[in-house]
């Protein structure tokens, strides 16, 4: 190195002071620091299911600037909030503070305002695109054995409640018998699931007056020619079964609101308790006359009587109505076994509402309620994708892998993955252990198990809220012990 200080031959100014940094270098360092403020590395294990291009900053407007609560960080924080057993916004902020402390950076504020504002800026269209991508990804990953090589779409409805705010009450009002301030807004959800993978394909949200049939009609685009629609007696409708048949979709449902046809009145007897029948078009209908007049007067269907002698079932016998008319290709016992699997949709809703905690929502505005529900469905599909991936790697049946155990494993693996940022070998090793832990939790076959819908633990003997909370007064000596003492 050339010496530019001849009076001090042992000193070199280049080593004693830093070269002035340009504005471009300073900006590049700031951007690098912001990128290091990544909140969660859930994307490391779920990136193959949710590509990063969905979470890139917008060119302008909301989430266009690179901040602590960027679009990427806000989405994964919201995702982690759904996975957490606590599920509060304060819990997310504490995680941000812990991550900053681990990286020796200034702790962010303990207030949840900045996070809630960033979460509110997440676009519903963006979340919908992510949800559709997870659905398509699950369908592409599926290698499960289908029913006669056909996809079965099972449909059912459920309900959720949310905080009692005026805005929520306007969209999803509470029950009419309840006094104002004593109930909670109630939303109904009708969803389509893939029977073989458990993936949620589509959904519709309504209020207490929304019937499942109209909500299902809004989801007809989910069905493709060759699919099989599987539903309970709530979907027994002449119009809908004929419309599905016109779309190339067969139906398997239970008979409701009509008397079963006897062998004497059947068009053809295919076997014992297995008939071809003609359904007559109802006289009255609430459908538009233009659509109703185009329907035929009769509709050829197949009626199968199912008798149940297994303990634990509420019904002893019922009738299945289907458009699968070929008794040789679709024997009656195959259709009965298919309808028996319809109970899986109840388990899917249990995974969402009980295991993940969607039964009682937290958001206080209708727009955020819809985003919260959508985020639950995204997280549900991602967990299903993990289960499929783990079952494939460990050569296990994915339908027997425990959903709750998979969620628990993901919750405990998340902090470990967060500590191995940019170390691909460690992340790969942890992911293999995660797949192994998920695949080892197999639900055993328990035929004939009876699980009645009854609650064993008694609730606390508190009074019921029969007036708004600020007007409610506790009755003195409401307990029997105190009443006797008085």
Protein backbone atom coordinates (compact mmCIF):
# COMPACT_ATOMS: atom_id res chain seq x y z
CA UNK A 1 0.00 0.00 0.00
CA UNK A 2 1.41 3.42 -0.93
CA UNK A 3 2.27 5.65 2.05
CA UNK A 4 0.70 9.13 1.71
CA UNK A 5 2.03 10.38 5.08
CA UNK A 6 5.84 10.58 4.80
CA UNK A 7 6.21 12.18 8.26
CA UNK A 8 4.53 9.20 9.92
CA UNK A 9 5.67 6.14 7.99
CA UNK A 10 3.92 3.68 10.33
CA UNK A 11 0.46 5.21 9.95
CA UNK A 12 -1.94 5.01 7.05
CA UNK A 13 -4.98 7.27 6.96
CA UNK A 14 -6.90 4.66 4.99
CA UNK A 15 -6.85 2.39 8.03
CA UNK A 16 -7.54 5.09 10.64
CA UNK A 17 -10.75 6.56 9.23
CA UNK A 18 -13.64 5.23 7.19
CA UNK A 19 -14.22 6.30 3.67
CA UNK A 20 -17.30 8.55 3.36
CA UNK A 21 -20.34 6.44 2.39
CA UNK A 22 -22.56 7.51 -0.42
CA UNK A 23 -26.30 8.05 -0.04
CA UNK A 24 -26.92 4.95 -2.16
CA UNK A 25 -24.92 2.77 0.25
CA UNK A 26 -26.72 4.22 3.27
CA UNK A 27 -30.11 3.48 1.66
CA UNK A 28 -29.00 -0.04 0.77
CA UNK A 29 -28.01 -0.70 4.40
CA UNK A 30 -31.37 0.57 5.65
CA UNK A 31 -33.23 -1.70 3.24
CA UNK A 32 -31.08 -4.63 4.37
CA UNK A 33 -31.91 -3.85 8.01
CA UNK A 34 -35.62 -3.75 7.24
CA UNK A 35 -35.42 -7.09 5.48
CA UNK A 36 -33.77 -8.55 8.56
CA UNK A 37 -36.83 -7.55 10.60
CA UNK A 38 -38.76 -10.54 9.30
CA UNK A 39 -41.16 -11.51 12.06
CA UNK A 40 -41.76 -15.18 11.39
CA UNK A 41 -40.17 -17.87 9.28
CA UNK A 42 -43.37 -19.83 8.79
CA UNK A 43 -42.80 -19.12 5.12
CA UNK A 44 -39.78 -21.43 5.29
CA UNK A 45 -42.02 -24.44 5.91
CA UNK A 46 -45.16 -23.18 4.15
CA UNK A 47 -43.56 -21.31 1.28
CA UNK A 48 -44.26 -24.14 -1.13
CA UNK A 49 -47.96 -23.76 -0.31
CA UNK A 50 -48.05 -19.93 -0.20
CA UNK A 51 -45.51 -18.49 -2.69
CA UNK A 52 -43.78 -15.30 -1.69
CA UNK A 53 -44.96 -13.39 -4.77
CA UNK A 54 -48.39 -13.05 -3.14
CA UNK A 55 -46.77 -11.06 -0.32
CA UNK A 56 -44.57 -8.69 -2.27
CA UNK A 57 -45.00 -4.95 -1.47
CA UNK A 58 -47.51 -3.12 -3.62
CA UNK A 59 -46.25 -0.60 -6.15
CA UNK A 60 -48.28 2.16 -4.54
CA UNK A 61 -50.84 2.66 -1.84
CA UNK A 62 -51.21 0.44 1.20
CA UNK A 63 -48.35 -1.91 2.07
CA UNK A 64 -46.12 -0.29 -0.55
CA UNK A 65 -43.45 0.85 1.92
CA UNK A 66 -40.98 -1.51 3.57
CA UNK A 67 -41.62 -1.21 7.30
CA UNK A 68 -41.67 -3.45 10.36
CA UNK A 69 -45.33 -4.28 9.68
CA UNK A 70 -44.80 -4.91 6.00
CA UNK A 71 -47.23 -6.94 3.94
CA UNK A 72 -45.07 -10.06 4.39
CA UNK A 73 -44.69 -9.63 8.16
CA UNK A 74 -48.33 -8.68 8.70
CA UNK A 75 -49.63 -11.71 6.80
CA UNK A 76 -47.46 -14.20 8.68
CA UNK A 77 -48.21 -12.46 11.98
CA UNK A 78 -51.93 -12.83 11.26
CA UNK A 79 -51.30 -16.45 10.24
CA UNK A 80 -49.41 -17.11 13.48
CA UNK A 81 -52.20 -15.45 15.44
CA UNK A 82 -54.63 -17.97 13.97
CA UNK A 83 -52.35 -20.87 14.91
CA UNK A 84 -51.72 -19.69 18.48
CA UNK A 85 -53.78 -21.09 21.31
CA UNK A 86 -54.06 -17.56 22.76
CA UNK A 87 -54.86 -15.79 19.50
CA UNK A 88 -54.68 -12.22 20.83
CA UNK A 89 -53.13 -9.23 19.10
CA UNK A 90 -50.98 -8.51 22.17
CA UNK A 91 -49.46 -11.99 21.79
CA UNK A 92 -48.34 -11.09 18.27
CA UNK A 93 -46.74 -7.85 19.43
CA UNK A 94 -44.88 -9.74 22.18
CA UNK A 95 -43.51 -12.07 19.53
CA UNK A 96 -42.27 -9.09 17.56
CA UNK A 97 -40.53 -7.80 20.67
CA UNK A 98 -38.95 -11.19 21.39
CA UNK A 99 -37.72 -11.47 17.80
CA UNK A 100 -36.22 -7.97 17.98
CA UNK A 101 -34.51 -8.76 21.29
CA UNK A 102 -33.01 -11.95 19.84
CA UNK A 103 -31.56 -9.92 16.94
CA UNK A 104 -30.33 -7.20 19.34
CA UNK A 105 -32.54 -4.52 17.85
CA UNK A 106 -34.68 -1.82 19.41
CA UNK A 107 -37.89 -3.24 20.83
CA UNK A 108 -41.06 -2.07 19.05
CA UNK A 109 -43.87 -0.48 21.02
CA UNK A 110 -46.12 -2.66 23.16
CA UNK A 111 -49.20 -1.06 21.61
CA UNK A 112 -51.25 -3.18 19.21
CA UNK A 113 -52.44 -0.18 17.19
CA UNK A 114 -49.78 -0.38 14.49
CA UNK A 115 -50.30 -4.12 13.97
CA UNK A 116 -54.10 -3.79 13.87
CA UNK A 117 -53.86 -0.98 11.31
CA UNK A 118 -51.48 -3.02 9.15
CA UNK A 119 -53.73 -6.07 9.43
CA UNK A 120 -56.73 -4.01 8.38
CA UNK A 121 -54.83 -2.95 5.24
CA UNK A 122 -54.49 -6.55 4.01
CA UNK A 123 -56.53 -6.82 0.85
CA UNK A 124 -59.43 -9.26 0.80
CA UNK A 125 -58.68 -9.96 -2.88
CA UNK A 126 -55.10 -10.89 -1.98
CA UNK A 127 -56.24 -13.26 0.78
CA UNK A 128 -58.81 -14.78 -1.58
CA UNK A 129 -56.10 -15.41 -4.18
CA UNK A 130 -53.95 -17.12 -1.54
CA UNK A 131 -56.90 -19.25 -0.44
CA UNK A 132 -57.61 -20.36 -4.02
CA UNK A 133 -53.92 -21.16 -4.51
CA UNK A 134 -53.87 -23.40 -1.42
CA UNK A 135 -56.97 -25.17 -2.70
CA UNK A 136 -55.43 -25.81 -6.13
CA UNK A 137 -52.18 -26.89 -4.51
CA UNK A 138 -53.95 -29.44 -2.33
CA UNK A 139 -55.85 -30.86 -5.29
CA UNK A 140 -52.59 -31.21 -7.24
CA UNK A 141 -50.87 -32.94 -4.31
CA UNK A 142 -53.65 -35.44 -3.75
CA UNK A 143 -52.82 -39.05 -4.52
CA UNK A 144 -55.66 -40.52 -2.45
CA UNK A 145 -57.84 -43.24 -3.90
CA UNK A 146 -61.02 -41.62 -5.21
CA UNK A 147 -64.51 -43.04 -5.46
CA UNK A 148 -64.46 -44.79 -8.86
CA UNK A 149 -61.79 -42.27 -9.95
CA UNK A 150 -64.17 -39.37 -9.35
CA UNK A 151 -63.76 -36.42 -6.99
CA UNK A 152 -66.36 -36.26 -4.23
CA UNK A 153 -67.30 -32.80 -2.95
CA UNK A 154 -69.05 -32.89 0.41
CA UNK A 155 -71.08 -29.85 1.49
CA UNK A 156 -72.40 -28.76 4.86
CA UNK A 157 -73.04 -25.68 6.95
CA UNK A 158 -72.11 -24.40 10.39
CA UNK A 159 -72.32 -21.27 12.51
CA UNK A 160 -69.89 -18.96 14.31
CA UNK A 161 -70.26 -16.06 16.72
CA UNK A 162 -68.31 -12.83 17.08
CA UNK A 163 -67.99 -9.78 19.37
CA UNK A 164 -71.20 -7.89 20.09
CA UNK A 165 -70.68 -4.62 18.21
CA UNK A 166 -73.22 -2.49 16.39
CA UNK A 167 -71.53 -3.00 13.01
CA UNK A 168 -71.48 -6.78 13.41
CA UNK A 169 -75.12 -6.78 14.55
CA UNK A 170 -76.18 -4.95 11.38
CA UNK A 171 -74.75 -7.68 9.13
CA UNK A 172 -75.19 -10.74 11.34
CA UNK A 173 -77.98 -10.00 13.86
CA UNK A 174 -78.45 -12.09 16.98
CA UNK A 175 -81.46 -14.27 17.71
CA UNK A 176 -84.75 -12.36 17.81
CA UNK A 177 -85.72 -13.81 21.21
CA UNK A 178 -82.65 -12.29 22.88
CA UNK A 179 -82.68 -8.79 24.30
CA UNK A 180 -80.24 -6.23 22.88
CA UNK A 181 -76.90 -6.50 24.60
CA UNK A 182 -77.56 -10.07 25.81
CA UNK A 183 -76.55 -12.03 22.74
CA UNK A 184 -73.87 -12.19 20.07
CA UNK A 185 -73.97 -11.75 16.30
CA UNK A 186 -74.31 -15.09 14.54
CA UNK A 187 -72.95 -15.88 11.07
CA UNK A 188 -73.67 -19.03 9.09
CA UNK A 189 -71.12 -20.61 6.76
CA UNK A 190 -71.76 -23.09 3.95
CA UNK A 191 -68.56 -24.72 2.68
CA UNK A 192 -67.49 -27.29 0.10
CA UNK A 193 -64.76 -29.78 1.04
CA UNK A 194 -62.89 -32.38 -0.96
CA UNK A 195 -63.72 -35.69 0.69
CA UNK A 196 -60.37 -37.32 -0.14
CA UNK A 197 -57.97 -34.57 0.96
CA UNK A 198 -60.11 -32.61 3.43
CA UNK A 199 -59.31 -29.40 1.54
CA UNK A 200 -61.79 -26.55 1.70
CA UNK A 201 -62.69 -25.68 -1.89
CA UNK A 202 -65.08 -22.73 -1.45
CA UNK A 203 -67.38 -21.09 1.07
CA UNK A 204 -70.16 -18.55 1.50
CA UNK A 205 -71.01 -16.48 4.56
CA UNK A 206 -74.58 -15.58 5.50
CA UNK A 207 -76.64 -14.53 8.50
CA UNK A 208 -79.23 -16.39 10.57
CA UNK A 209 -81.81 -16.05 7.77
CA UNK A 210 -79.54 -17.56 5.12
CA UNK A 211 -80.41 -21.09 4.08
CA UNK A 212 -77.72 -23.57 3.05
CA UNK A 213 -79.26 -24.21 -0.37
CA UNK A 214 -79.01 -20.60 -1.67
CA UNK A 215 -75.46 -20.39 -0.34
CA UNK A 216 -74.60 -23.63 -2.14
CA UNK A 217 -75.93 -22.25 -5.42
CA UNK A 218 -73.41 -19.42 -5.21
CA UNK A 219 -70.68 -22.07 -5.18
CA UNK A 220 -71.75 -24.05 -8.24
CA UNK A 221 -68.60 -22.90 -10.04
CA UNK A 222 -66.61 -25.07 -7.60
CA UNK A 223 -68.02 -28.23 -9.17
CA UNK A 224 -66.62 -29.71 -12.35
CA UNK A 225 -68.08 -32.23 -14.75
CA UNK A 226 -67.50 -35.71 -13.33
CA UNK A 227 -67.67 -34.67 -9.67
CA UNK A 228 -70.03 -36.23 -7.13
CA UNK A 229 -71.99 -33.96 -4.78
CA UNK A 230 -72.43 -35.45 -1.31
CA UNK A 231 -74.82 -33.82 1.16
CA UNK A 232 -77.36 -34.41 3.90
CA UNK A 233 -81.13 -34.05 3.78
CA UNK A 234 -80.90 -30.26 3.92
CA UNK A 235 -79.88 -30.30 0.24
CA UNK A 236 -82.72 -32.53 -0.95
CA UNK A 237 -84.17 -30.39 -3.74
CA UNK A 238 -85.64 -31.24 -7.16
CA UNK A 239 -84.25 -28.04 -8.71
CA UNK A 240 -80.72 -28.48 -7.37
CA UNK A 241 -80.37 -32.18 -8.20
CA UNK A 242 -81.54 -31.54 -11.77
CA UNK A 243 -79.23 -28.52 -12.11
CA UNK A 244 -76.25 -30.57 -10.93
CA UNK A 245 -77.14 -33.31 -13.43
CA UNK A 246 -77.19 -30.73 -16.23
CA UNK A 247 -73.67 -29.70 -15.15
CA UNK A 248 -72.44 -33.31 -15.36
CA UNK A 249 -72.31 -33.66 -11.57
CA UNK A 250 -73.96 -36.63 -9.86
CA UNK A 251 -75.54 -36.33 -6.40
CA UNK A 252 -75.79 -38.53 -3.32
CA UNK A 253 -78.10 -37.15 -0.61
CA UNK A 254 -80.63 -38.37 1.93
CA UNK A 255 -84.35 -38.20 1.24
CA UNK A 256 -86.31 -35.41 2.95
CA UNK A 257 -89.77 -33.83 2.64
CA UNK A 258 -91.00 -36.71 0.45
CA UNK A 259 -92.33 -40.15 1.23
CA UNK A 260 -90.14 -43.08 0.13
CA UNK A 261 -91.35 -44.87 -2.98
CA UNK A 262 -92.37 -48.50 -2.50
CA UNK A 263 -91.41 -51.37 -4.79
CA UNK A 264 -94.93 -51.39 -6.27
CA UNK A 265 -94.62 -47.77 -7.43
CA UNK A 266 -90.98 -47.99 -8.58
CA UNK A 267 -89.99 -47.88 -12.25
CA UNK A 268 -87.55 -50.75 -11.83
CA UNK A 269 -86.30 -52.91 -8.99
CA UNK A 270 -82.49 -53.10 -9.08
CA UNK A 271 -82.11 -55.15 -5.92
CA UNK A 272 -83.35 -55.46 -2.37
CA UNK A 273 -84.40 -51.97 -1.22
CA UNK A 274 -82.83 -50.55 -4.40
CA UNK A 275 -85.26 -48.93 -6.88
CA UNK A 276 -85.33 -46.63 -9.88
CA UNK A 277 -88.01 -44.02 -9.26
CA UNK A 278 -89.55 -40.96 -10.90
CA UNK A 279 -89.60 -37.73 -8.97
CA UNK A 280 -92.44 -35.41 -9.94
CA UNK A 281 -91.76 -31.70 -10.13
CA UNK A 282 -93.31 -29.88 -7.15
CA UNK A 283 -96.36 -27.76 -7.85
CA UNK A 284 -95.19 -24.71 -5.92
CA UNK A 285 -91.74 -23.22 -5.98
CA UNK A 286 -89.93 -20.07 -4.88
CA UNK A 287 -87.60 -20.17 -7.90
CA UNK A 288 -87.95 -17.79 -10.85
CA UNK A 289 -90.67 -18.98 -13.25
CA UNK A 290 -88.27 -18.81 -16.20
CA UNK A 291 -86.03 -21.45 -14.59
CA UNK A 292 -88.86 -23.48 -13.11
CA UNK A 293 -90.78 -23.83 -16.37
CA UNK A 294 -87.72 -25.25 -18.12
CA UNK A 295 -87.50 -28.18 -15.69
CA UNK A 296 -88.98 -31.53 -16.77
CA UNK A 297 -92.13 -32.85 -15.14
CA UNK A 298 -90.33 -36.02 -14.00
CA UNK A 299 -86.77 -36.78 -12.96
CA UNK A 300 -85.34 -40.33 -12.94
CA UNK A 301 -83.51 -41.11 -9.69
CA UNK A 302 -82.36 -44.06 -7.64
CA UNK A 303 -83.62 -44.75 -4.13
CA UNK A 304 -81.66 -46.96 -1.72
CA UNK A 305 -82.90 -47.90 1.75
CA UNK A 306 -80.13 -48.17 4.37
CA UNK A 307 -80.67 -50.07 7.61
CA UNK A 308 -78.28 -49.46 10.53
CA UNK A 309 -77.85 -52.00 13.30
CA UNK A 310 -74.67 -50.52 14.76
CA UNK A 311 -74.93 -48.98 18.25
CA UNK A 312 -74.15 -45.31 18.61
CA UNK A 313 -76.06 -44.13 15.52
CA UNK A 314 -79.13 -41.95 16.01
CA UNK A 315 -80.91 -43.23 12.89
CA UNK A 316 -81.89 -46.84 12.45
CA UNK A 317 -82.83 -46.49 8.79
CA UNK A 318 -82.92 -43.81 6.09
CA UNK A 319 -83.19 -43.50 2.30
CA UNK A 320 -80.48 -42.29 -0.08
CA UNK A 321 -81.42 -40.50 -3.29
CA UNK A 322 -78.79 -40.47 -6.03
CA UNK A 323 -78.35 -39.88 -9.75
CA UNK A 324 -75.86 -42.80 -9.95
CA UNK A 325 -78.30 -45.10 -11.72
CA UNK A 326 -75.94 -47.92 -12.81
CA UNK A 327 -76.30 -50.61 -10.14
CA UNK A 328 -73.49 -52.70 -11.66
CA UNK A 329 -70.90 -49.91 -11.67
CA UNK A 330 -72.14 -48.34 -8.43
CA UNK A 331 -73.45 -51.09 -6.12
CA UNK A 332 -75.74 -50.11 -3.28
CA UNK A 333 -73.19 -50.99 -0.59
CA UNK A 334 -70.57 -48.72 -2.25
CA UNK A 335 -72.99 -45.79 -2.19
CA UNK A 336 -73.87 -46.57 1.44
CA UNK A 337 -70.17 -46.57 2.38
CA UNK A 338 -69.72 -43.28 0.51
CA UNK A 339 -72.51 -41.63 2.46
CA UNK A 340 -71.05 -43.02 5.67
CA UNK A 341 -67.92 -40.95 4.91
CA UNK A 342 -70.05 -37.79 4.78
CA UNK A 343 -69.42 -37.52 8.52
CA UNK A 344 -65.88 -36.38 7.67
CA UNK A 345 -67.23 -32.89 6.91
CA UNK A 346 -68.40 -32.65 10.53
CA UNK A 347 -64.87 -33.51 11.61
CA UNK A 348 -63.48 -30.84 9.27
CA UNK A 349 -65.67 -28.21 10.92
CA UNK A 350 -64.61 -29.55 14.32
CA UNK A 351 -60.97 -29.06 13.32
CA UNK A 352 -61.74 -25.47 12.36
CA UNK A 353 -64.03 -24.47 15.21
CA UNK A 354 -62.80 -26.51 18.17
CA UNK A 355 -59.17 -27.34 17.41
CA UNK A 356 -58.25 -24.03 15.76
CA UNK A 357 -60.72 -21.89 17.72
CA UNK A 358 -62.86 -20.44 14.92
CA UNK A 359 -66.06 -21.01 16.90
CA UNK A 360 -65.78 -17.56 18.54
CA UNK A 361 -64.20 -14.90 16.35
CA UNK A 362 -62.34 -11.86 17.72
CA UNK A 363 -62.64 -9.06 15.16
CA UNK A 364 -65.10 -6.23 15.76
CA UNK A 365 -65.92 -5.02 12.24
CA UNK A 366 -67.55 -6.95 9.37
CA UNK A 367 -64.59 -6.44 7.02
CA UNK A 368 -62.13 -7.82 9.56
CA UNK A 369 -64.49 -10.67 10.46
CA UNK A 370 -64.46 -11.77 6.81
CA UNK A 371 -60.65 -11.52 6.71
CA UNK A 372 -60.37 -13.50 9.94
CA UNK A 373 -62.60 -16.28 8.59
CA UNK A 374 -60.62 -16.31 5.35
CA UNK A 375 -57.33 -16.52 7.24
CA UNK A 376 -58.67 -19.49 9.23
CA UNK A 377 -59.44 -21.27 5.96
CA UNK A 378 -55.97 -20.49 4.57
CA UNK A 379 -54.30 -21.85 7.70
CA UNK A 380 -56.56 -24.92 7.62
CA UNK A 381 -55.61 -25.72 4.01
CA UNK A 382 -51.91 -25.21 4.79
CA UNK A 383 -52.07 -27.67 7.69
CA UNK A 384 -53.83 -30.15 5.40
CA UNK A 385 -51.02 -29.67 2.88
CA UNK A 386 -48.45 -30.39 5.58
CA UNK A 387 -50.32 -33.55 6.52
CA UNK A 388 -50.38 -34.70 2.89
CA UNK A 389 -46.68 -33.95 2.47
CA UNK A 390 -45.79 -35.75 5.70
CA UNK A 391 -47.93 -38.77 4.80
CA UNK A 392 -46.33 -38.97 1.36
CA UNK A 393 -42.77 -38.81 2.73
CA UNK A 394 -43.49 -41.43 5.39
CA UNK A 395 -45.78 -43.59 3.20
CA UNK A 396 -48.83 -43.18 5.45
CA UNK A 397 -52.52 -42.73 4.72
CA UNK A 398 -53.13 -38.99 5.03
CA UNK A 399 -56.75 -39.46 6.15
CA UNK A 400 -55.54 -41.22 9.31
CA UNK A 401 -53.10 -38.46 10.30
CA UNK A 402 -54.31 -36.45 13.31
CA UNK A 403 -55.15 -32.83 12.49
CA UNK A 404 -54.84 -31.67 16.11
CA UNK A 405 -51.44 -33.34 16.53
CA UNK A 406 -50.27 -31.70 13.29
CA UNK A 407 -51.36 -28.28 14.56
CA UNK A 408 -49.58 -28.88 17.87
CA UNK A 409 -46.39 -29.91 16.07
CA UNK A 410 -46.47 -26.81 13.85
CA UNK A 411 -46.96 -24.58 16.91
CA UNK A 412 -43.90 -26.04 18.62
CA UNK A 413 -41.70 -26.14 15.51
CA UNK A 414 -42.36 -22.48 14.64
CA UNK A 415 -39.96 -20.98 17.26
CA UNK A 416 -37.22 -23.42 16.22
CA UNK A 417 -37.56 -22.50 12.56
CA UNK A 418 -37.50 -18.80 13.46
CA UNK A 419 -34.06 -19.24 15.03
CA UNK A 420 -32.50 -20.83 11.92
CA UNK A 421 -33.00 -18.00 9.46
CA UNK A 422 -30.91 -18.27 6.27
CA UNK A 423 -29.42 -21.62 7.37
CA UNK A 424 -31.02 -23.85 4.76
CA UNK A 425 -29.48 -27.08 6.04
CA UNK A 426 -30.93 -26.55 9.53
CA UNK A 427 -34.35 -25.65 8.15
CA UNK A 428 -34.34 -28.73 5.93
CA UNK A 429 -33.40 -30.95 8.89
CA UNK A 430 -36.11 -29.43 11.09
CA UNK A 431 -38.71 -29.83 8.34
CA UNK A 432 -37.89 -33.53 8.01
CA UNK A 433 -38.34 -33.94 11.76
CA UNK A 434 -41.62 -32.03 11.55
CA UNK A 435 -42.91 -34.34 8.80
CA UNK A 436 -41.87 -37.35 10.85
CA UNK A 437 -43.61 -36.03 13.98
CA UNK A 438 -46.82 -35.34 12.03
CA UNK A 439 -46.86 -38.72 10.28
CA UNK A 440 -46.40 -40.67 13.52
CA UNK A 441 -49.67 -39.37 15.03
CA UNK A 442 -52.03 -41.89 13.48
CA UNK A 443 -55.68 -42.09 14.48
CA UNK A 444 -56.56 -45.72 15.14
CA UNK A 445 -59.55 -47.38 13.59
CA UNK A 446 -62.32 -47.62 16.20
CA UNK A 447 -65.37 -49.23 14.56
CA UNK A 448 -68.57 -49.15 16.54
CA UNK A 449 -67.34 -46.41 18.87
CA UNK A 450 -70.20 -44.45 20.45
CA UNK A 451 -69.67 -40.73 21.10
CA UNK A 452 -72.99 -39.20 22.22
CA UNK A 453 -73.32 -35.43 22.03
CA UNK A 454 -73.49 -34.83 25.77
CA UNK A 455 -71.56 -32.55 28.12
CA UNK A 456 -70.20 -34.06 31.32
CA UNK A 457 -68.66 -31.01 33.02
CA UNK A 458 -71.32 -28.75 34.52
CA UNK A 459 -71.19 -24.98 33.92
CA UNK A 460 -70.76 -22.50 36.73
CA UNK A 461 -73.92 -21.50 38.55
CA UNK A 462 -73.83 -17.90 37.40
CA UNK A 463 -76.92 -15.98 36.45
CA UNK A 464 -77.86 -15.65 32.81
CA UNK A 465 -77.36 -12.21 31.28
CA UNK A 466 -80.95 -11.04 30.75
CA UNK A 467 -80.16 -7.33 30.36
CA UNK A 468 -77.27 -5.28 28.97
CA UNK A 469 -74.22 -5.70 31.18
CA UNK A 470 -74.17 -2.10 32.42
CA UNK A 471 -77.81 -2.48 33.55
CA UNK A 472 -77.50 -5.97 35.01
CA UNK A 473 -77.74 -6.36 38.77
CA UNK A 474 -76.76 -9.57 40.53
CA UNK A 475 -79.56 -11.09 42.61
CA UNK A 476 -78.46 -11.22 46.25
CA UNK A 477 -78.32 -14.66 47.89
CA UNK A 478 -78.99 -16.49 44.64
CA UNK A 479 -77.15 -19.57 45.95
CA UNK A 480 -79.00 -22.14 48.02
CA UNK A 481 -76.42 -22.12 50.82
CA UNK A 482 -76.62 -18.35 51.29
CA UNK A 483 -80.38 -18.41 51.03
CA UNK A 484 -80.61 -20.85 53.94
CA UNK A 485 -78.25 -18.77 56.04
CA UNK A 486 -80.32 -15.69 55.39
